[in-house]
Structure formats: C-alpha cells, structure tokens
Amino acid sequence: MSSCIKRVGQLCKEASVVLTNIGAIFPYENDPQASNIRISFSYPPIDELSKAANLLCICVQIAAIEKLLNLKDNHISIVF
C-alpha cells in the first residue's frame, strides 16, 4: 500500500529490527510512492531471520490498517 513504508520502518525500528534506509533503492532515497523497501541480510542465524521476517510482515499489516483507519476519518467507509 502506498505511503506506508516510513511507518513500517518506524514500527520495525521500535521492535529492534534494523532495515536498510527507507527508499534506498531510489536515487537520493526518494521513493515517489513511499511503498518500496530493500531487505538486506547479513548472515543472521535462521531463527533470527525467521523472526525478523515475521515481524516485518506484522509491521506492514499494522501500517496498512492504520492507513485504512485514517481513510475512515475522511468519510470513506471500509467494510470488514
């Protein structure tokens, strides 16, 4: 979901998962849609890698849900 990646980075950082700089795959780290992240691993043990990947997925979900809830404040109805 666009415009969520900075929030994903913030959530991961708060959970002690270090990511590459947000927007690192673009010149001057300027991701026009704020929706891309580059994942780079430095030979962690497989159990740590699994935990970090799961946490990243959870952070993406949280950021997307937060964005959807903010849309509701703008009078857009979301039905679950």
PDB file of N, CA and C in Angstrom:
ATOM      1  N   MET A   1       0.858  -1.176   0.000  1.00  0.00           N
ATOM      2  CA  MET A   1       0.000   0.000   0.000  1.00  0.00           C
ATOM      3  C   MET A   1       0.906   1.241   0.000  1.00  0.00           C
ATOM      4  N   SER A   2       0.596   2.163  -0.879  1.00  0.00           N
ATOM      5  CA  SER A   2       1.450   3.342  -0.995  1.00  0.00           C
ATOM      6  C   SER A   2       1.397   4.202   0.263  1.00  0.00           C
ATOM      7  N   SER A   3       2.467   4.928   0.467  1.00  0.00           N
ATOM      8  CA  SER A   3       2.630   5.880   1.576  1.00  0.00           C
ATOM      9  C   SER A   3       2.688   5.228   2.947  1.00  0.00           C
ATOM     10  N   CYS A   4       3.039   3.962   3.020  1.00  0.00           N
ATOM     11  CA  CYS A   4       3.106   3.267   4.314  1.00  0.00           C
ATOM     12  C   CYS A   4       4.520   2.912   4.741  1.00  0.00           C
ATOM     13  N   ILE A   5       5.483   2.996   3.847  1.00  0.00           N
ATOM     14  CA  ILE A   5       6.776   2.411   4.127  1.00  0.00           C
ATOM     15  C   ILE A   5       7.529   3.112   5.257  1.00  0.00           C
ATOM     16  N   LYS A   6       7.367   4.419   5.402  1.00  0.00           N
ATOM     17  CA  LYS A   6       8.042   5.099   6.514  1.00  0.00           C
ATOM     18  C   LYS A   6       7.501   4.595   7.851  1.00  0.00           C
ATOM     19  N   ARG A   7       6.210   4.376   7.915  1.00  0.00           N
ATOM     20  CA  ARG A   7       5.607   3.852   9.142  1.00  0.00           C
ATOM     21  C   ARG A   7       6.085   2.430   9.405  1.00  0.00           C
ATOM     22  N   VAL A   8       6.228   1.625   8.353  1.00  0.00           N
ATOM     23  CA  VAL A   8       6.753   0.267   8.511  1.00  0.00           C
ATOM     24  C   VAL A   8       8.162   0.334   9.095  1.00  0.00           C
ATOM     25  N   GLY A   9       8.982   1.215   8.563  1.00  0.00           N
ATOM     26  CA  GLY A   9      10.344   1.378   9.083  1.00  0.00           C
ATOM     27  C   GLY A   9      10.358   1.795  10.537  1.00  0.00           C
ATOM     28  N   GLN A  10       9.466   2.691  10.901  1.00  0.00           N
ATOM     29  CA  GLN A  10       9.373   3.155  12.285  1.00  0.00           C
ATOM     30  C   GLN A  10       8.952   2.011  13.208  1.00  0.00           C
ATOM     31  N   LEU A  11       7.959   1.259  12.810  1.00  0.00           N
ATOM     32  CA  LEU A  11       7.484   0.141  13.625  1.00  0.00           C
ATOM     33  C   LEU A  11       8.573  -0.915  13.795  1.00  0.00           C
ATOM     34  N   CYS A  12       9.288  -1.231  12.718  1.00  0.00           N
ATOM     35  CA  CYS A  12      10.367  -2.217  12.807  1.00  0.00           C
ATOM     36  C   CYS A  12      11.464  -1.726  13.744  1.00  0.00           C
ATOM     37  N   LYS A  13      11.819  -0.466  13.627  1.00  0.00           N
ATOM     38  CA  LYS A  13      12.860   0.104  14.495  1.00  0.00           C
ATOM     39  C   LYS A  13      12.453   0.020  15.959  1.00  0.00           C
ATOM     40  N   GLU A  14      11.192   0.330  16.252  1.00  0.00           N
ATOM     41  CA  GLU A  14      10.695   0.256  17.622  1.00  0.00           C
ATOM     42  C   GLU A  14      10.743  -1.176  18.159  1.00  0.00           C
ATOM     43  N   ALA A  15      10.673  -2.155  17.241  1.00  0.00           N
ATOM     44  CA  ALA A  15      10.712  -3.564  17.638  1.00  0.00           C
ATOM     45  C   ALA A  15      12.127  -4.140  17.533  1.00  0.00           C
ATOM     46  N   SER A  16      13.123  -3.271  17.341  1.00  0.00           N
ATOM     47  CA  SER A  16      14.543  -3.656  17.290  1.00  0.00           C
ATOM     48  C   SER A  16      14.927  -4.461  16.058  1.00  0.00           C
ATOM     49  N   VAL A  17      14.222  -4.255  14.943  1.00  0.00           N
ATOM     50  CA  VAL A  17      14.611  -4.847  13.669  1.00  0.00           C
ATOM     51  C   VAL A  17      15.162  -3.717  12.808  1.00  0.00           C
ATOM     52  N   VAL A  18      16.419  -3.839  12.409  1.00  0.00           N
ATOM     53  CA  VAL A  18      17.074  -2.801  11.629  1.00  0.00           C
ATOM     54  C   VAL A  18      16.874  -3.087  10.147  1.00  0.00           C
ATOM     55  N   LEU A  19      16.397  -2.096   9.423  1.00  0.00           N
ATOM     56  CA  LEU A  19      16.182  -2.197   7.980  1.00  0.00           C
ATOM     57  C   LEU A  19      17.157  -1.278   7.261  1.00  0.00           C
ATOM     58  N   THR A  20      17.312  -1.498   5.950  1.00  0.00           N
ATOM     59  CA  THR A  20      18.060  -0.526   5.160  1.00  0.00           C
ATOM     60  C   THR A  20      17.276   0.778   5.170  1.00  0.00           C
ATOM     61  N   ASN A  21      17.925   1.856   4.763  1.00  0.00           N
ATOM     62  CA  ASN A  21      17.237   3.142   4.744  1.00  0.00           C
ATOM     63  C   ASN A  21      15.998   3.069   3.861  1.00  0.00           C
ATOM     64  N   ILE A  22      14.933   3.655   4.328  1.00  0.00           N
ATOM     65  CA  ILE A  22      13.696   3.673   3.567  1.00  0.00           C
ATOM     66  C   ILE A  22      13.930   4.440   2.267  1.00  0.00           C
ATOM     67  N   GLY A  23      13.546   3.840   1.151  1.00  0.00           N
ATOM     68  CA  GLY A  23      13.735   4.459  -0.153  1.00  0.00           C
ATOM     69  C   GLY A  23      15.113   4.213  -0.746  1.00  0.00           C
ATOM     70  N   ALA A  24      15.907   3.341  -0.137  1.00  0.00           N
ATOM     71  CA  ALA A  24      17.296   3.131  -0.551  1.00  0.00           C
ATOM     72  C   ALA A  24      17.450   2.674  -2.001  1.00  0.00           C
ATOM     73  N   ILE A  25      16.432   2.114  -2.596  1.00  0.00           N
ATOM     74  CA  ILE A  25      16.564   1.632  -3.974  1.00  0.00           C
ATOM     75  C   ILE A  25      16.362   2.738  -5.003  1.00  0.00           C
ATOM     76  N   PHE A  26      16.055   3.948  -4.554  1.00  0.00           N
ATOM     77  CA  PHE A  26      15.825   5.081  -5.449  1.00  0.00           C
ATOM     78  C   PHE A  26      16.928   6.114  -5.279  1.00  0.00           C
ATOM     79  N   PRO A  27      17.207   6.901  -6.336  1.00  0.00           N
ATOM     80  CA  PRO A  27      18.193   7.972  -6.206  1.00  0.00           C
ATOM     81  C   PRO A  27      17.788   8.946  -5.097  1.00  0.00           C
ATOM     82  N   TYR A  28      18.726   9.318  -4.289  1.00  0.00           N
ATOM     83  CA  TYR A  28      18.511  10.231  -3.172  1.00  0.00           C
ATOM     84  C   TYR A  28      17.467   9.721  -2.180  1.00  0.00           C
ATOM     85  N   GLU A  29      17.259   8.401  -2.183  1.00  0.00           N
ATOM     86  CA  GLU A  29      16.284   7.751  -1.285  1.00  0.00           C
ATOM     87  C   GLU A  29      14.900   8.382  -1.397  1.00  0.00           C
ATOM     88  N   ASN A  30      14.525   8.757  -2.603  1.00  0.00           N
ATOM     89  CA  ASN A  30      13.233   9.399  -2.834  1.00  0.00           C
ATOM     90  C   ASN A  30      12.304   8.431  -3.566  1.00  0.00           C
ATOM     91  N   ASP A  31      11.562   7.647  -2.807  1.00  0.00           N
ATOM     92  CA  ASP A  31      10.586   6.703  -3.352  1.00  0.00           C
ATOM     93  C   ASP A  31       9.311   7.492  -3.651  1.00  0.00           C
ATOM     94  N   PRO A  32       8.961   7.682  -4.912  1.00  0.00           N
ATOM     95  CA  PRO A  32       7.810   8.538  -5.241  1.00  0.00           C
ATOM     96  C   PRO A  32       6.481   8.083  -4.647  1.00  0.00           C
ATOM     97  N   GLN A  33       6.318   6.788  -4.431  1.00  0.00           N
ATOM     98  CA  GLN A  33       5.058   6.307  -3.858  1.00  0.00           C
ATOM     99  C   GLN A  33       5.213   5.867  -2.405  1.00  0.00           C
ATOM    100  N   ALA A  34       6.411   5.981  -1.857  1.00  0.00           N
ATOM    101  CA  ALA A  34       6.690   5.567  -0.474  1.00  0.00           C
ATOM    102  C   ALA A  34       6.130   4.173  -0.209  1.00  0.00           C
ATOM    103  N   SER A  35       6.496   3.227  -1.086  1.00  0.00           N
ATOM    104  CA  SER A  35       5.926   1.888  -0.953  1.00  0.00           C
ATOM    105  C   SER A  35       6.932   0.765  -1.175  1.00  0.00           C
ATOM    106  N   ASN A  36       8.224   1.089  -1.267  1.00  0.00           N
ATOM    107  CA  ASN A  36       9.229   0.063  -1.532  1.00  0.00           C
ATOM    108  C   ASN A  36      10.250  -0.010  -0.406  1.00  0.00           C
ATOM    109  N   ILE A  37      10.727  -1.206  -0.164  1.00  0.00           N
ATOM    110  CA  ILE A  37      11.760  -1.406   0.840  1.00  0.00           C
ATOM    111  C   ILE A  37      12.744  -2.441   0.320  1.00  0.00           C
ATOM    112  N   ARG A  38      14.000  -2.230   0.591  1.00  0.00           N
ATOM    113  CA  ARG A  38      15.047  -3.174   0.212  1.00  0.00           C
ATOM    114  C   ARG A  38      15.457  -3.923   1.463  1.00  0.00           C
ATOM    115  N   ILE A  39      15.414  -5.229   1.398  1.00  0.00           N
ATOM    116  CA  ILE A  39      15.790  -6.056   2.542  1.00  0.00           C
ATOM    117  C   ILE A  39      17.164  -6.644   2.260  1.00  0.00           C
ATOM    118  N   SER A  40      18.078  -6.447   3.180  1.00  0.00           N
ATOM    119  CA  SER A  40      19.446  -6.947   3.026  1.00  0.00           C
ATOM    120  C   SER A  40      19.836  -7.694   4.293  1.00  0.00           C
ATOM    121  N   PHE A  41      20.187  -8.940   4.148  1.00  0.00           N
ATOM    122  CA  PHE A  41      20.531  -9.766   5.306  1.00  0.00           C
ATOM    123  C   PHE A  41      22.047  -9.885   5.424  1.00  0.00           C
ATOM    124  N   SER A  42      22.535  -9.960   6.646  1.00  0.00           N
ATOM    125  CA  SER A  42      23.971 -10.083   6.874  1.00  0.00           C
ATOM    126  C   SER A  42      24.281 -11.376   7.629  1.00  0.00           C
ATOM    127  N   TYR A  43      23.857 -12.481   7.068  1.00  0.00           N
ATOM    128  CA  TYR A  43      24.118 -13.822   7.595  1.00  0.00           C
ATOM    129  C   TYR A  43      23.640 -14.037   9.031  1.00  0.00           C
ATOM    130  N   PRO A  44      22.392 -13.707   9.325  1.00  0.00           N
ATOM    131  CA  PRO A  44      21.890 -13.991  10.678  1.00  0.00           C
ATOM    132  C   PRO A  44      21.564 -15.479  10.805  1.00  0.00           C
ATOM    133  N   PRO A  45      21.496 -15.966  12.026  1.00  0.00           N
ATOM    134  CA  PRO A  45      21.018 -17.347  12.217  1.00  0.00           C
ATOM    135  C   PRO A  45      19.590 -17.451  11.687  1.00  0.00           C
ATOM    136  N   ILE A  46      19.230 -18.626  11.179  1.00  0.00           N
ATOM    137  CA  ILE A  46      17.936 -18.812  10.522  1.00  0.00           C
ATOM    138  C   ILE A  46      16.769 -18.497  11.444  1.00  0.00           C
ATOM    139  N   ASP A  47      16.877 -18.779  12.735  1.00  0.00           N
ATOM    140  CA  ASP A  47      15.767 -18.471  13.645  1.00  0.00           C
ATOM    141  C   ASP A  47      15.585 -16.961  13.799  1.00  0.00           C
ATOM    142  N   GLU A  48      16.680 -16.203  13.817  1.00  0.00           N
ATOM    143  CA  GLU A  48      16.572 -14.744  13.897  1.00  0.00           C
ATOM    144  C   GLU A  48      15.987 -14.180  12.603  1.00  0.00           C
ATOM    145  N   LEU A  49      16.402 -14.742  11.481  1.00  0.00           N
ATOM    146  CA  LEU A  49      15.880 -14.303  10.185  1.00  0.00           C
ATOM    147  C   LEU A  49      14.382 -14.551  10.088  1.00  0.00           C
ATOM    148  N   SER A  50      13.945 -15.699  10.565  1.00  0.00           N
ATOM    149  CA  SER A  50      12.523 -16.034  10.544  1.00  0.00           C
ATOM    150  C   SER A  50      11.721 -15.068  11.413  1.00  0.00           C
ATOM    151  N   LYS A  51      12.232 -14.779  12.604  1.00  0.00           N
ATOM    152  CA  LYS A  51      11.537 -13.841  13.494  1.00  0.00           C
ATOM    153  C   LYS A  51      11.477 -12.449  12.880  1.00  0.00           C
ATOM    154  N   ALA A  52      12.577 -12.000  12.278  1.00  0.00           N
ATOM    155  CA  ALA A  52      12.610 -10.671  11.667  1.00  0.00           C
ATOM    156  C   ALA A  52      11.647 -10.589  10.482  1.00  0.00           C
ATOM    157  N   ALA A  53      11.585 -11.640   9.667  1.00  0.00           N
ATOM    158  CA  ALA A  53      10.676 -11.644   8.520  1.00  0.00           C
ATOM    159  C   ALA A  53       9.223 -11.613   8.980  1.00  0.00           C
ATOM    160  N   ASN A  54       8.908 -12.378  10.008  1.00  0.00           N
ATOM    161  CA  ASN A  54       7.542 -12.368  10.550  1.00  0.00           C
ATOM    162  C   ASN A  54       7.194 -10.999  11.114  1.00  0.00           C
ATOM    163  N   LEU A  55       8.144 -10.399  11.819  1.00  0.00           N
ATOM    164  CA  LEU A  55       7.901  -9.081  12.396  1.00  0.00           C
ATOM    165  C   LEU A  55       7.702  -8.040  11.299  1.00  0.00           C
ATOM    166  N   LEU A  56       8.496  -8.120  10.243  1.00  0.00           N
ATOM    167  CA  LEU A  56       8.326  -7.199   9.119  1.00  0.00           C
ATOM    168  C   LEU A  56       6.917  -7.316   8.541  1.00  0.00           C
ATOM    169  N   CYS A  57       6.441  -8.531   8.369  1.00  0.00           N
ATOM    170  CA  CYS A  57       5.078  -8.739   7.845  1.00  0.00           C
ATOM    171  C   CYS A  57       4.030  -8.137   8.767  1.00  0.00           C
ATOM    172  N   ILE A  58       4.203  -8.297  10.051  1.00  0.00           N
ATOM    173  CA  ILE A  58       3.261  -7.725  11.020  1.00  0.00           C
ATOM    174  C   ILE A  58       3.288  -6.200  10.946  1.00  0.00           C
ATOM    175  N   CYS A  59       4.485  -5.626  10.828  1.00  0.00           N
ATOM    176  CA  CYS A  59       4.594  -4.166  10.742  1.00  0.00           C
ATOM    177  C   CYS A  59       3.928  -3.636   9.473  1.00  0.00           C
ATOM    178  N   VAL A  60       4.071  -4.353   8.363  1.00  0.00           N
ATOM    179  CA  VAL A  60       3.400  -3.958   7.124  1.00  0.00           C
ATOM    180  C   VAL A  60       1.882  -3.979   7.321  1.00  0.00           C
ATOM    181  N   GLN A  61       1.385  -5.016   7.974  1.00  0.00           N
ATOM    182  CA  GLN A  61      -0.052  -5.116   8.222  1.00  0.00           C
ATOM    183  C   GLN A  61      -0.537  -3.987   9.119  1.00  0.00           C
ATOM    184  N   ILE A  62       0.204  -3.686  10.174  1.00  0.00           N
ATOM    185  CA  ILE A  62      -0.190  -2.609  11.084  1.00  0.00           C
ATOM    186  C   ILE A  62      -0.231  -1.279  10.343  1.00  0.00           C
ATOM    187  N   ALA A  63       0.809  -0.990   9.563  1.00  0.00           N
ATOM    188  CA  ALA A  63       0.856   0.275   8.825  1.00  0.00           C
ATOM    189  C   ALA A  63      -0.309   0.389   7.843  1.00  0.00           C
ATOM    190  N   ALA A  64      -0.641  -0.700   7.163  1.00  0.00           N
ATOM    191  CA  ALA A  64      -1.760  -0.686   6.213  1.00  0.00           C
ATOM    192  C   ALA A  64      -3.085  -0.474   6.935  1.00  0.00           C
ATOM    193  N   ILE A  65      -3.261  -1.138   8.052  1.00  0.00           N
ATOM    194  CA  ILE A  65      -4.501  -0.973   8.827  1.00  0.00           C
ATOM    195  C   ILE A  65      -4.631   0.456   9.326  1.00  0.00           C
ATOM    196  N   GLU A  66      -3.516   1.010   9.830  1.00  0.00           N
ATOM    197  CA  GLU A  66      -3.558   2.401  10.282  1.00  0.00           C
ATOM    198  C   GLU A  66      -3.958   3.336   9.146  1.00  0.00           C
ATOM    199  N   LYS A  67      -3.417   3.103   7.950  1.00  0.00           N
ATOM    200  CA  LYS A  67      -3.775   3.950   6.808  1.00  0.00           C
ATOM    201  C   LYS A  67      -5.249   3.801   6.471  1.00  0.00           C
ATOM    202  N   LEU A  68      -5.752   2.582   6.476  1.00  0.00           N
ATOM    203  CA  LEU A  68      -7.168   2.364   6.189  1.00  0.00           C
ATOM    204  C   LEU A  68      -8.059   3.044   7.228  1.00  0.00           C
ATOM    205  N   LEU A  69      -7.677   3.004   8.472  1.00  0.00           N
ATOM    206  CA  LEU A  69      -8.466   3.654   9.517  1.00  0.00           C
ATOM    207  C   LEU A  69      -8.443   5.169   9.363  1.00  0.00           C
ATOM    208  N   ASN A  70      -7.318   5.715   8.914  1.00  0.00           N
ATOM    209  CA  ASN A  70      -7.266   7.156   8.653  1.00  0.00           C
ATOM    210  C   ASN A  70      -8.164   7.539   7.496  1.00  0.00           C
ATOM    211  N   LEU A  71      -8.316   6.649   6.516  1.00  0.00           N
ATOM    212  CA  LEU A  71      -9.239   6.920   5.418  1.00  0.00           C
ATOM    213  C   LEU A  71     -10.666   7.047   5.926  1.00  0.00           C
ATOM    214  N   LYS A  72     -10.981   6.268   6.939  1.00  0.00           N
ATOM    215  CA  LYS A  72     -12.327   6.320   7.516  1.00  0.00           C
ATOM    216  C   LYS A  72     -12.604   7.714   8.080  1.00  0.00           C
ATOM    217  N   ASP A  73     -11.565   8.366   8.640  1.00  0.00           N
ATOM    218  CA  ASP A  73     -11.727   9.716   9.159  1.00  0.00           C
ATOM    219  C   ASP A  73     -12.074  10.702   8.059  1.00  0.00           C
ATOM    220  N   ASN A  74     -11.741  10.353   6.824  1.00  0.00           N
ATOM    221  CA  ASN A  74     -12.048  11.218   5.681  1.00  0.00           C
ATOM    222  C   ASN A  74     -13.389  10.848   5.043  1.00  0.00           C
ATOM    223  N   HIS A  75     -14.268  10.223   5.806  1.00  0.00           N
ATOM    224  CA  HIS A  75     -15.629   9.885   5.387  1.00  0.00           C
ATOM    225  C   HIS A  75     -15.686   8.800   4.296  1.00  0.00           C
ATOM    226  N   ILE A  76     -14.700   7.927   4.290  1.00  0.00           N
ATOM    227  CA  ILE A  76     -14.723   6.803   3.383  1.00  0.00           C
ATOM    228  C   ILE A  76     -15.030   5.562   4.231  1.00  0.00           C
ATOM    229  N   SER A  77     -16.065   4.858   3.901  1.00  0.00           N
ATOM    230  CA  SER A  77     -16.451   3.693   4.685  1.00  0.00           C
ATOM    231  C   SER A  77     -15.684   2.456   4.238  1.00  0.00           C
ATOM    232  N   ILE A  78     -15.194   1.735   5.203  1.00  0.00           N
ATOM    233  CA  ILE A  78     -14.493   0.478   4.930  1.00  0.00           C
ATOM    234  C   ILE A  78     -15.263  -0.618   5.648  1.00  0.00           C
ATOM    235  N   VAL A  79     -15.694  -1.625   4.922  1.00  0.00           N
ATOM    236  CA  VAL A  79     -16.465  -2.716   5.496  1.00  0.00           C
ATOM    237  C   VAL A  79     -15.577  -3.941   5.603  1.00  0.00           C
ATOM    238  N   PHE A  80     -15.524  -4.528   6.788  1.00  0.00           N
ATOM    239  CA  PHE A  80     -14.742  -5.748   7.010  1.00  0.00           C
ATOM    240  C   PHE A  80     -15.665  -6.919   7.145  1.00  0.00           C
TER     241      PHE A  80
END
